Amino acid sequence: MPRIRNDRNESIDQLFRAVLSLRDVDECYRFFGDLFTVQELSAFAQRLQVAHMLSSGKTYEAIRAEISTSSSTITRVNTELRYGSGGYQMVLERLNQDDSPSEP
């Protein structure tokens, strides 16, 4: 299966620049609300949620019990966590840093 990093082109670069231009969560809601259907946005959000749960050590069974997702989605996300380009791990680490309380 071809990977996105091998398929760089101007239209994808423009999409990524558009995402990088967003200033806050409200702007993300506005842009992604226009760009994706509710189902598409939910699917992407669910993949990130699955990545977080897998990186926290949850089993496939525990994930399926907590959220409504297929085993194939969990497997796909797990494969990317283990053998992908490191994007999930990078974002999860940054989100964890953002959630950490600041030291006085």
PDB file of N, CA and C in Angstrom:
ATOM      1  N   MET A   1       0.859  -1.177   0.000  1.00  0.00           N
ATOM      2  CA  MET A   1       0.000   0.000   0.000  1.00  0.00           C
ATOM      3  C   MET A   1       0.901   1.234   0.000  1.00  0.00           C
ATOM      4  N   PRO A   2       0.688   2.163  -0.947  1.00  0.00           N
ATOM      5  CA  PRO A   2       1.531   3.361  -0.968  1.00  0.00           C
ATOM      6  C   PRO A   2       1.290   4.242   0.244  1.00  0.00           C
ATOM      7  N   ARG A   3       2.325   4.856   0.711  1.00  0.00           N
ATOM      8  CA  ARG A   3       2.245   5.710   1.890  1.00  0.00           C
ATOM      9  C   ARG A   3       2.183   7.165   1.439  1.00  0.00           C
ATOM     10  N   ILE A   4       1.505   7.976   2.207  1.00  0.00           N
ATOM     11  CA  ILE A   4       1.315   9.382   1.838  1.00  0.00           C
ATOM     12  C   ILE A   4       2.643  10.112   1.675  1.00  0.00           C
ATOM     13  N   ARG A   5       3.642   9.756   2.462  1.00  0.00           N
ATOM     14  CA  ARG A   5       4.915  10.471   2.362  1.00  0.00           C
ATOM     15  C   ARG A   5       5.583  10.237   1.010  1.00  0.00           C
ATOM     16  N   ASN A   6       5.185   9.182   0.288  1.00  0.00           N
ATOM     17  CA  ASN A   6       5.717   8.919  -1.039  1.00  0.00           C
ATOM     18  C   ASN A   6       4.904   9.601  -2.129  1.00  0.00           C
ATOM     19  N   ASP A   7       3.767  10.164  -1.768  1.00  0.00           N
ATOM     20  CA  ASP A   7       2.862  10.741  -2.751  1.00  0.00           C
ATOM     21  C   ASP A   7       2.745  12.247  -2.606  1.00  0.00           C
ATOM     22  N   ARG A   8       3.826  12.907  -2.275  1.00  0.00           N
ATOM     23  CA  ARG A   8       3.800  14.371  -2.115  1.00  0.00           C
ATOM     24  C   ARG A   8       3.413  15.030  -3.424  1.00  0.00           C
ATOM     25  N   ASN A   9       2.524  16.010  -3.305  1.00  0.00           N
ATOM     26  CA  ASN A   9       2.178  16.813  -4.466  1.00  0.00           C
ATOM     27  C   ASN A   9       1.649  18.157  -3.979  1.00  0.00           C
ATOM     28  N   GLU A  10       1.468  19.068  -4.900  1.00  0.00           N
ATOM     29  CA  GLU A  10       1.100  20.435  -4.536  1.00  0.00           C
ATOM     30  C   GLU A  10      -0.249  20.509  -3.836  1.00  0.00           C
ATOM     31  N   SER A  11      -1.217  19.703  -4.261  1.00  0.00           N
ATOM     32  CA  SER A  11      -2.531  19.795  -3.629  1.00  0.00           C
ATOM     33  C   SER A  11      -2.497  19.308  -2.182  1.00  0.00           C
ATOM     34  N   ILE A  12      -1.719  18.267  -1.901  1.00  0.00           N
ATOM     35  CA  ILE A  12      -1.582  17.800  -0.515  1.00  0.00           C
ATOM     36  C   ILE A  12      -0.793  18.825   0.288  1.00  0.00           C
ATOM     37  N   ASP A  13       0.266  19.379  -0.297  1.00  0.00           N
ATOM     38  CA  ASP A  13       1.025  20.427   0.396  1.00  0.00           C
ATOM     39  C   ASP A  13       0.112  21.604   0.745  1.00  0.00           C
ATOM     40  N   GLN A  14      -0.767  21.991  -0.186  1.00  0.00           N
ATOM     41  CA  GLN A  14      -1.683  23.102   0.069  1.00  0.00           C
ATOM     42  C   GLN A  14      -2.649  22.766   1.210  1.00  0.00           C
ATOM     43  N   LEU A  15      -3.131  21.538   1.239  1.00  0.00           N
ATOM     44  CA  LEU A  15      -4.003  21.120   2.340  1.00  0.00           C
ATOM     45  C   LEU A  15      -3.264  21.223   3.668  1.00  0.00           C
ATOM     46  N   PHE A  16      -2.043  20.732   3.728  1.00  0.00           N
ATOM     47  CA  PHE A  16      -1.277  20.780   4.966  1.00  0.00           C
ATOM     48  C   PHE A  16      -0.975  22.217   5.383  1.00  0.00           C
ATOM     49  N   ARG A  17      -0.667  23.075   4.414  1.00  0.00           N
ATOM     50  CA  ARG A  17      -0.451  24.490   4.743  1.00  0.00           C
ATOM     51  C   ARG A  17      -1.733  25.116   5.286  1.00  0.00           C
ATOM     52  N   ALA A  18      -2.862  24.724   4.735  1.00  0.00           N
ATOM     53  CA  ALA A  18      -4.150  25.223   5.239  1.00  0.00           C
ATOM     54  C   ALA A  18      -4.354  24.798   6.688  1.00  0.00           C
ATOM     55  N   VAL A  19      -4.049  23.549   7.001  1.00  0.00           N
ATOM     56  CA  VAL A  19      -4.188  23.056   8.379  1.00  0.00           C
ATOM     57  C   VAL A  19      -3.246  23.821   9.304  1.00  0.00           C
ATOM     58  N   LEU A  20      -2.023  24.029   8.862  1.00  0.00           N
ATOM     59  CA  LEU A  20      -1.048  24.755   9.680  1.00  0.00           C
ATOM     60  C   LEU A  20      -1.441  26.220   9.895  1.00  0.00           C
ATOM     61  N   SER A  21      -2.293  26.758   9.039  1.00  0.00           N
ATOM     62  CA  SER A  21      -2.720  28.148   9.187  1.00  0.00           C
ATOM     63  C   SER A  21      -3.805  28.331  10.242  1.00  0.00           C
ATOM     64  N   LEU A  22      -4.417  27.243  10.685  1.00  0.00           N
ATOM     65  CA  LEU A  22      -5.497  27.340  11.668  1.00  0.00           C
ATOM     66  C   LEU A  22      -4.931  27.770  13.013  1.00  0.00           C
ATOM     67  N   ARG A  23      -5.625  28.691  13.663  1.00  0.00           N
ATOM     68  CA  ARG A  23      -5.090  29.306  14.881  1.00  0.00           C
ATOM     69  C   ARG A  23      -5.608  28.705  16.176  1.00  0.00           C
ATOM     70  N   ASP A  24      -6.789  28.087  16.149  1.00  0.00           N
ATOM     71  CA  ASP A  24      -7.344  27.542  17.387  1.00  0.00           C
ATOM     72  C   ASP A  24      -8.381  26.467  17.068  1.00  0.00           C
ATOM     73  N   VAL A  25      -8.904  25.862  18.111  1.00  0.00           N
ATOM     74  CA  VAL A  25      -9.860  24.768  17.943  1.00  0.00           C
ATOM     75  C   VAL A  25     -11.122  25.243  17.224  1.00  0.00           C
ATOM     76  N   ASP A  26     -11.581  26.450  17.510  1.00  0.00           N
ATOM     77  CA  ASP A  26     -12.763  26.965  16.824  1.00  0.00           C
ATOM     78  C   ASP A  26     -12.535  27.050  15.314  1.00  0.00           C
ATOM     79  N   GLU A  27     -11.366  27.524  14.902  1.00  0.00           N
ATOM     80  CA  GLU A  27     -11.064  27.573  13.480  1.00  0.00           C
ATOM     81  C   GLU A  27     -10.998  26.166  12.887  1.00  0.00           C
ATOM     82  N   CYS A  28     -10.496  25.208  13.659  1.00  0.00           N
ATOM     83  CA  CYS A  28     -10.459  23.817  13.197  1.00  0.00           C
ATOM     84  C   CYS A  28     -11.873  23.290  12.979  1.00  0.00           C
ATOM     85  N   TYR A  29     -12.769  23.571  13.923  1.00  0.00           N
ATOM     86  CA  TYR A  29     -14.156  23.139  13.754  1.00  0.00           C
ATOM     87  C   TYR A  29     -14.748  23.726  12.476  1.00  0.00           C
ATOM     88  N   ARG A  30     -14.486  24.989  12.219  1.00  0.00           N
ATOM     89  CA  ARG A  30     -15.035  25.636  11.034  1.00  0.00           C
ATOM     90  C   ARG A  30     -14.473  25.018   9.749  1.00  0.00           C
ATOM     91  N   PHE A  31     -13.146  24.879   9.688  1.00  0.00           N
ATOM     92  CA  PHE A  31     -12.513  24.372   8.475  1.00  0.00           C
ATOM     93  C   PHE A  31     -12.844  22.897   8.251  1.00  0.00           C
ATOM     94  N   PHE A  32     -12.621  22.075   9.272  1.00  0.00           N
ATOM     95  CA  PHE A  32     -12.870  20.649   9.107  1.00  0.00           C
ATOM     96  C   PHE A  32     -14.354  20.352   8.935  1.00  0.00           C
ATOM     97  N   GLY A  33     -15.209  21.191   9.504  1.00  0.00           N
ATOM     98  CA  GLY A  33     -16.646  21.041   9.293  1.00  0.00           C
ATOM     99  C   GLY A  33     -17.035  21.257   7.841  1.00  0.00           C
ATOM    100  N   ASP A  34     -16.323  22.150   7.162  1.00  0.00           N
ATOM    101  CA  ASP A  34     -16.557  22.369   5.731  1.00  0.00           C
ATOM    102  C   ASP A  34     -15.892  21.281   4.884  1.00  0.00           C
ATOM    103  N   LEU A  35     -14.731  20.825   5.311  1.00  0.00           N
ATOM    104  CA  LEU A  35     -13.922  19.903   4.513  1.00  0.00           C
ATOM    105  C   LEU A  35     -14.451  18.475   4.546  1.00  0.00           C
ATOM    106  N   PHE A  36     -14.876  18.013   5.725  1.00  0.00           N
ATOM    107  CA  PHE A  36     -15.277  16.622   5.909  1.00  0.00           C
ATOM    108  C   PHE A  36     -16.757  16.497   6.207  1.00  0.00           C
ATOM    109  N   THR A  37     -17.297  15.324   5.888  1.00  0.00           N
ATOM    110  CA  THR A  37     -18.630  14.991   6.389  1.00  0.00           C
ATOM    111  C   THR A  37     -18.491  14.662   7.872  1.00  0.00           C
ATOM    112  N   VAL A  38     -19.604  14.612   8.566  1.00  0.00           N
ATOM    113  CA  VAL A  38     -19.579  14.250   9.989  1.00  0.00           C
ATOM    114  C   VAL A  38     -18.974  12.856  10.154  1.00  0.00           C
ATOM    115  N   GLN A  39     -19.313  11.937   9.261  1.00  0.00           N
ATOM    116  CA  GLN A  39     -18.801  10.568   9.358  1.00  0.00           C
ATOM    117  C   GLN A  39     -17.294  10.525   9.128  1.00  0.00           C
ATOM    118  N   GLU A  40     -16.793  11.293   8.164  1.00  0.00           N
ATOM    119  CA  GLU A  40     -15.350  11.311   7.906  1.00  0.00           C
ATOM    120  C   GLU A  40     -14.585  11.886   9.090  1.00  0.00           C
ATOM    121  N   LEU A  41     -15.074  12.984   9.617  1.00  0.00           N
ATOM    122  CA  LEU A  41     -14.405  13.611  10.756  1.00  0.00           C
ATOM    123  C   LEU A  41     -14.419  12.678  11.963  1.00  0.00           C
ATOM    124  N   SER A  42     -15.540  12.015  12.192  1.00  0.00           N
ATOM    125  CA  SER A  42     -15.644  11.060  13.305  1.00  0.00           C
ATOM    126  C   SER A  42     -14.674   9.897  13.123  1.00  0.00           C
ATOM    127  N   ALA A  43     -14.519   9.427  11.886  1.00  0.00           N
ATOM    128  CA  ALA A  43     -13.599   8.316  11.623  1.00  0.00           C
ATOM    129  C   ALA A  43     -12.154   8.709  11.927  1.00  0.00           C
ATOM    130  N   PHE A  44     -11.756   9.917  11.514  1.00  0.00           N
ATOM    131  CA  PHE A  44     -10.388  10.375  11.798  1.00  0.00           C
ATOM    132  C   PHE A  44     -10.171  10.568  13.296  1.00  0.00           C
ATOM    133  N   ALA A  45     -11.155  11.152  13.963  1.00  0.00           N
ATOM    134  CA  ALA A  45     -11.042  11.355  15.409  1.00  0.00           C
ATOM    135  C   ALA A  45     -10.963  10.012  16.125  1.00  0.00           C
ATOM    136  N   GLN A  46     -11.727   9.045  15.641  1.00  0.00           N
ATOM    137  CA  GLN A  46     -11.725   7.718  16.262  1.00  0.00           C
ATOM    138  C   GLN A  46     -10.369   7.039  16.103  1.00  0.00           C
ATOM    139  N   ARG A  47      -9.725   7.207  14.956  1.00  0.00           N
ATOM    140  CA  ARG A  47      -8.393   6.617  14.762  1.00  0.00           C
ATOM    141  C   ARG A  47      -7.394   7.180  15.771  1.00  0.00           C
ATOM    142  N   LEU A  48      -7.458   8.475  16.008  1.00  0.00           N
ATOM    143  CA  LEU A  48      -6.560   9.075  16.993  1.00  0.00           C
ATOM    144  C   LEU A  48      -6.876   8.553  18.389  1.00  0.00           C
ATOM    145  N   GLN A  49      -8.161   8.390  18.691  1.00  0.00           N
ATOM    146  CA  GLN A  49      -8.565   7.844  19.987  1.00  0.00           C
ATOM    147  C   GLN A  49      -8.044   6.415  20.144  1.00  0.00           C
ATOM    148  N   VAL A  50      -8.148   5.617  19.098  1.00  0.00           N
ATOM    149  CA  VAL A  50      -7.632   4.242  19.138  1.00  0.00           C
ATOM    150  C   VAL A  50      -6.114   4.261  19.340  1.00  0.00           C
ATOM    151  N   ALA A  51      -5.414   5.146  18.640  1.00  0.00           N
ATOM    152  CA  ALA A  51      -3.954   5.248  18.803  1.00  0.00           C
ATOM    153  C   ALA A  51      -3.600   5.576  20.246  1.00  0.00           C
ATOM    154  N   HIS A  52      -4.325   6.491  20.842  1.00  0.00           N
ATOM    155  CA  HIS A  52      -4.082   6.851  22.241  1.00  0.00           C
ATOM    156  C   HIS A  52      -4.303   5.654  23.153  1.00  0.00           C
ATOM    157  N   MET A  53      -5.388   4.931  22.930  1.00  0.00           N
ATOM    158  CA  MET A  53      -5.703   3.777  23.775  1.00  0.00           C
ATOM    159  C   MET A  53      -4.662   2.672  23.609  1.00  0.00           C
ATOM    160  N   LEU A  54      -4.251   2.416  22.370  1.00  0.00           N
ATOM    161  CA  LEU A  54      -3.222   1.398  22.139  1.00  0.00           C
ATOM    162  C   LEU A  54      -1.903   1.793  22.788  1.00  0.00           C
ATOM    163  N   SER A  55      -1.527   3.053  22.663  1.00  0.00           N
ATOM    164  CA  SER A  55      -0.257   3.487  23.253  1.00  0.00           C
ATOM    165  C   SER A  55      -0.323   3.494  24.773  1.00  0.00           C
ATOM    166  N   SER A  56      -1.534   3.493  25.310  1.00  0.00           N
ATOM    167  CA  SER A  56      -1.713   3.403  26.762  1.00  0.00           C
ATOM    168  C   SER A  56      -1.756   1.959  27.242  1.00  0.00           C
ATOM    169  N   GLY A  57      -1.611   1.006  26.305  1.00  0.00           N
ATOM    170  CA  GLY A  57      -1.551  -0.403  26.664  1.00  0.00           C
ATOM    171  C   GLY A  57      -2.878  -1.135  26.652  1.00  0.00           C
ATOM    172  N   LYS A  58      -3.919  -0.519  26.156  1.00  0.00           N
ATOM    173  CA  LYS A  58      -5.218  -1.194  26.124  1.00  0.00           C
ATOM    174  C   LYS A  58      -5.229  -2.266  25.040  1.00  0.00           C
ATOM    175  N   THR A  59      -5.963  -3.325  25.306  1.00  0.00           N
ATOM    176  CA  THR A  59      -6.087  -4.419  24.355  1.00  0.00           C
ATOM    177  C   THR A  59      -7.169  -4.106  23.327  1.00  0.00           C
ATOM    178  N   TYR A  60      -7.146  -4.875  22.241  1.00  0.00           N
ATOM    179  CA  TYR A  60      -8.185  -4.709  21.215  1.00  0.00           C
ATOM    180  C   TYR A  60      -9.571  -4.867  21.848  1.00  0.00           C
ATOM    181  N   GLU A  61      -9.715  -5.876  22.715  1.00  0.00           N
ATOM    182  CA  GLU A  61     -11.007  -6.146  23.337  1.00  0.00           C
ATOM    183  C   GLU A  61     -11.452  -4.975  24.212  1.00  0.00           C
ATOM    184  N   ALA A  62     -10.531  -4.408  24.963  1.00  0.00           N
ATOM    185  CA  ALA A  62     -10.872  -3.270  25.823  1.00  0.00           C
ATOM    186  C   ALA A  62     -11.266  -2.055  24.981  1.00  0.00           C
ATOM    187  N   ILE A  63     -10.584  -1.861  23.872  1.00  0.00           N
ATOM    188  CA  ILE A  63     -10.908  -0.734  22.995  1.00  0.00           C
ATOM    189  C   ILE A  63     -12.285  -0.931  22.390  1.00  0.00           C
ATOM    190  N   ARG A  64     -12.554  -2.123  21.878  1.00  0.00           N
ATOM    191  CA  ARG A  64     -13.861  -2.391  21.259  1.00  0.00           C
ATOM    192  C   ARG A  64     -14.976  -2.287  22.279  1.00  0.00           C
ATOM    193  N   ALA A  65     -14.699  -2.612  23.540  1.00  0.00           N
ATOM    194  CA  ALA A  65     -15.717  -2.495  24.577  1.00  0.00           C
ATOM    195  C   ALA A  65     -16.009  -1.034  24.911  1.00  0.00           C
ATOM    196  N   GLU A  66     -15.006  -0.179  24.755  1.00  0.00           N
ATOM    197  CA  GLU A  66     -15.152   1.228  25.127  1.00  0.00           C
ATOM    198  C   GLU A  66     -15.692   2.093  23.992  1.00  0.00           C
ATOM    199  N   ILE A  67     -15.248   1.815  22.769  1.00  0.00           N
ATOM    200  CA  ILE A  67     -15.736   2.603  21.627  1.00  0.00           C
ATOM    201  C   ILE A  67     -16.190   1.656  20.521  1.00  0.00           C
ATOM    202  N   SER A  68     -17.080   2.126  19.710  1.00  0.00           N
ATOM    203  CA  SER A  68     -17.620   1.329  18.617  1.00  0.00           C
ATOM    204  C   SER A  68     -16.694   1.447  17.406  1.00  0.00           C
ATOM    205  N   THR A  69     -15.803   0.472  17.287  1.00  0.00           N
ATOM    206  CA  THR A  69     -14.875   0.458  16.158  1.00  0.00           C
ATOM    207  C   THR A  69     -14.605  -0.973  15.748  1.00  0.00           C
ATOM    208  N   SER A  70     -14.156  -1.155  14.539  1.00  0.00           N
ATOM    209  CA  SER A  70     -13.890  -2.502  14.044  1.00  0.00           C
ATOM    210  C   SER A  70     -12.484  -2.951  14.421  1.00  0.00           C
ATOM    211  N   SER A  71     -12.307  -4.261  14.437  1.00  0.00           N
ATOM    212  CA  SER A  71     -10.977  -4.811  14.675  1.00  0.00           C
ATOM    213  C   SER A  71     -10.018  -4.393  13.574  1.00  0.00           C
ATOM    214  N   SER A  72     -10.526  -4.246  12.346  1.00  0.00           N
ATOM    215  CA  SER A  72      -9.636  -3.846  11.250  1.00  0.00           C
ATOM    216  C   SER A  72      -9.130  -2.418  11.439  1.00  0.00           C
ATOM    217  N   THR A  73      -9.948  -1.542  11.986  1.00  0.00           N
ATOM    218  CA  THR A  73      -9.484  -0.176  12.276  1.00  0.00           C
ATOM    219  C   THR A  73      -8.409  -0.207  13.348  1.00  0.00           C
ATOM    220  N   ILE A  74      -8.632  -0.988  14.381  1.00  0.00           N
ATOM    221  CA  ILE A  74      -7.640  -1.095  15.463  1.00  0.00           C
ATOM    222  C   ILE A  74      -6.334  -1.668  14.919  1.00  0.00           C
ATOM    223  N   THR A  75      -6.444  -2.692  14.084  1.00  0.00           N
ATOM    224  CA  THR A  75      -5.251  -3.304  13.486  1.00  0.00           C
ATOM    225  C   THR A  75      -4.506  -2.303  12.615  1.00  0.00           C
ATOM    226  N   ARG A  76      -5.243  -1.553  11.805  1.00  0.00           N
ATOM    227  CA  ARG A  76      -4.607  -0.557  10.925  1.00  0.00           C
ATOM    228  C   ARG A  76      -3.862   0.481  11.752  1.00  0.00           C
ATOM    229  N   VAL A  77      -4.499   0.998  12.793  1.00  0.00           N
ATOM    230  CA  VAL A  77      -3.863   2.005  13.640  1.00  0.00           C
ATOM    231  C   VAL A  77      -2.652   1.396  14.349  1.00  0.00           C
ATOM    232  N   ASN A  78      -2.794   0.187  14.850  1.00  0.00           N
ATOM    233  CA  ASN A  78      -1.684  -0.475  15.542  1.00  0.00           C
ATOM    234  C   ASN A  78      -0.497  -0.682  14.603  1.00  0.00           C
ATOM    235  N   THR A  79      -0.771  -1.047  13.368  1.00  0.00           N
ATOM    236  CA  THR A  79       0.289  -1.222  12.377  1.00  0.00           C
ATOM    237  C   THR A  79       1.030   0.088  12.150  1.00  0.00           C
ATOM    238  N   GLU A  80       0.291   1.179  12.044  1.00  0.00           N
ATOM    239  CA  GLU A  80       0.933   2.486  11.850  1.00  0.00           C
ATOM    240  C   GLU A  80       1.720   2.903  13.091  1.00  0.00           C
ATOM    241  N   LEU A  81       1.184   2.610  14.271  1.00  0.00           N
ATOM    242  CA  LEU A  81       1.926   2.923  15.499  1.00  0.00           C
ATOM    243  C   LEU A  81       3.253   2.181  15.538  1.00  0.00           C
ATOM    244  N   ARG A  82       3.249   0.942  15.098  1.00  0.00           N
ATOM    245  CA  ARG A  82       4.446   0.114  15.191  1.00  0.00           C
ATOM    246  C   ARG A  82       5.416   0.310  14.029  1.00  0.00           C
ATOM    247  N   TYR A  83       4.871   0.465  12.819  1.00  0.00           N
ATOM    248  CA  TYR A  83       5.731   0.450  11.636  1.00  0.00           C
ATOM    249  C   TYR A  83       5.591   1.694  10.760  1.00  0.00           C
ATOM    250  N   GLY A  84       4.763   2.626  11.156  1.00  0.00           N
ATOM    251  CA  GLY A  84       4.506   3.813  10.348  1.00  0.00           C
ATOM    252  C   GLY A  84       5.622   4.840  10.455  1.00  0.00           C
ATOM    253  N   SER A  85       5.295   6.035  10.076  1.00  0.00           N
ATOM    254  CA  SER A  85       6.295   7.111  10.030  1.00  0.00           C
ATOM    255  C   SER A  85       6.468   7.826  11.364  1.00  0.00           C
ATOM    256  N   GLY A  86       5.738   7.409  12.396  1.00  0.00           N
ATOM    257  CA  GLY A  86       5.886   8.014  13.714  1.00  0.00           C
ATOM    258  C   GLY A  86       4.963   9.191  13.961  1.00  0.00           C
ATOM    259  N   GLY A  87       4.058   9.452  13.041  1.00  0.00           N
ATOM    260  CA  GLY A  87       3.155  10.589  13.179  1.00  0.00           C
ATOM    261  C   GLY A  87       2.220  10.485  14.368  1.00  0.00           C
ATOM    262  N   TYR A  88       1.626   9.315  14.555  1.00  0.00           N
ATOM    263  CA  TYR A  88       0.743   9.143  15.712  1.00  0.00           C
ATOM    264  C   TYR A  88       1.501   9.406  17.005  1.00  0.00           C
ATOM    265  N   GLN A  89       2.665   8.772  17.154  1.00  0.00           N
ATOM    266  CA  GLN A  89       3.433   8.901  18.391  1.00  0.00           C
ATOM    267  C   GLN A  89       3.833  10.355  18.638  1.00  0.00           C
ATOM    268  N   MET A  90       4.240  11.041  17.596  1.00  0.00           N
ATOM    269  CA  MET A  90       4.637  12.441  17.723  1.00  0.00           C
ATOM    270  C   MET A  90       3.466  13.288  18.243  1.00  0.00           C
ATOM    271  N   VAL A  91       2.305  13.108  17.643  1.00  0.00           N
ATOM    272  CA  VAL A  91       1.137  13.898  18.038  1.00  0.00           C
ATOM    273  C   VAL A  91       0.682  13.518  19.445  1.00  0.00           C
ATOM    274  N   LEU A  92       0.676  12.233  19.764  1.00  0.00           N
ATOM    275  CA  LEU A  92       0.259  11.814  21.104  1.00  0.00           C
ATOM    276  C   LEU A  92       1.184  12.373  22.174  1.00  0.00           C
ATOM    277  N   GLU A  93       2.488  12.382  21.905  1.00  0.00           N
ATOM    278  CA  GLU A  93       3.436  12.956  22.862  1.00  0.00           C
ATOM    279  C   GLU A  93       3.176  14.445  23.051  1.00  0.00           C
ATOM    280  N   ARG A  94       2.910  15.146  21.969  1.00  0.00           N
ATOM    281  CA  ARG A  94       2.629  16.582  22.067  1.00  0.00           C
ATOM    282  C   ARG A  94       1.326  16.845  22.809  1.00  0.00           C
ATOM    283  N   LEU A  95       0.327  16.029  22.562  1.00  0.00           N
ATOM    284  CA  LEU A  95      -0.934  16.198  23.284  1.00  0.00           C
ATOM    285  C   LEU A  95      -0.746  15.931  24.771  1.00  0.00           C
ATOM    286  N   ASN A  96       0.082  14.931  25.110  1.00  0.00           N
ATOM    287  CA  ASN A  96       0.369  14.643  26.516  1.00  0.00           C
ATOM    288  C   ASN A  96       1.103  15.799  27.163  1.00  0.00           C
ATOM    289  N   GLN A  97       2.010  16.432  26.434  1.00  0.00           N
ATOM    290  CA  GLN A  97       2.722  17.600  26.963  1.00  0.00           C
ATOM    291  C   GLN A  97       1.761  18.741  27.214  1.00  0.00           C
ATOM    292  N   ASP A  98       0.822  18.941  26.303  1.00  0.00           N
ATOM    293  CA  ASP A  98      -0.163  20.014  26.451  1.00  0.00           C
ATOM    294  C   ASP A  98      -1.088  19.781  27.638  1.00  0.00           C
ATOM    295  N   ASP A  99      -1.340  18.487  27.950  1.00  0.00           N
ATOM    296  CA  ASP A  99      -2.223  18.144  29.057  1.00  0.00           C
ATOM    297  C   ASP A  99      -1.521  18.123  30.405  1.00  0.00           C
ATOM    298  N   SER A 100      -0.182  18.106  30.376  1.00  0.00           N
ATOM    299  CA  SER A 100       0.571  18.052  31.630  1.00  0.00           C
ATOM    300  C   SER A 100       0.472  19.379  32.359  1.00  0.00           C
ATOM    301  N   PRO A 101       0.309  19.298  33.691  1.00  0.00           N
ATOM    302  CA  PRO A 101       0.276  20.542  34.446  1.00  0.00           C
ATOM    303  C   PRO A 101       1.635  21.231  34.406  1.00  0.00           C
ATOM    304  N   SER A 102       1.607  22.530  34.310  1.00  0.00           N
ATOM    305  CA  SER A 102       2.856  23.304  34.291  1.00  0.00           C
ATOM    306  C   SER A 102       3.443  23.379  35.687  1.00  0.00           C
ATOM    307  N   GLU A 103       4.769  23.337  35.726  1.00  0.00           N
ATOM    308  CA  GLU A 103       5.447  23.479  37.011  1.00  0.00           C
ATOM    309  C   GLU A 103       5.513  24.942  37.381  1.00  0.00           C
ATOM    310  N   PRO A 104       5.317  25.266  38.663  1.00  0.00           N
ATOM    311  CA  PRO A 104       5.376  26.682  39.080  1.00  0.00           C
ATOM    312  C   PRO A 104       6.756  27.273  38.989  1.00  0.00           C
TER     313      PRO A 104
END
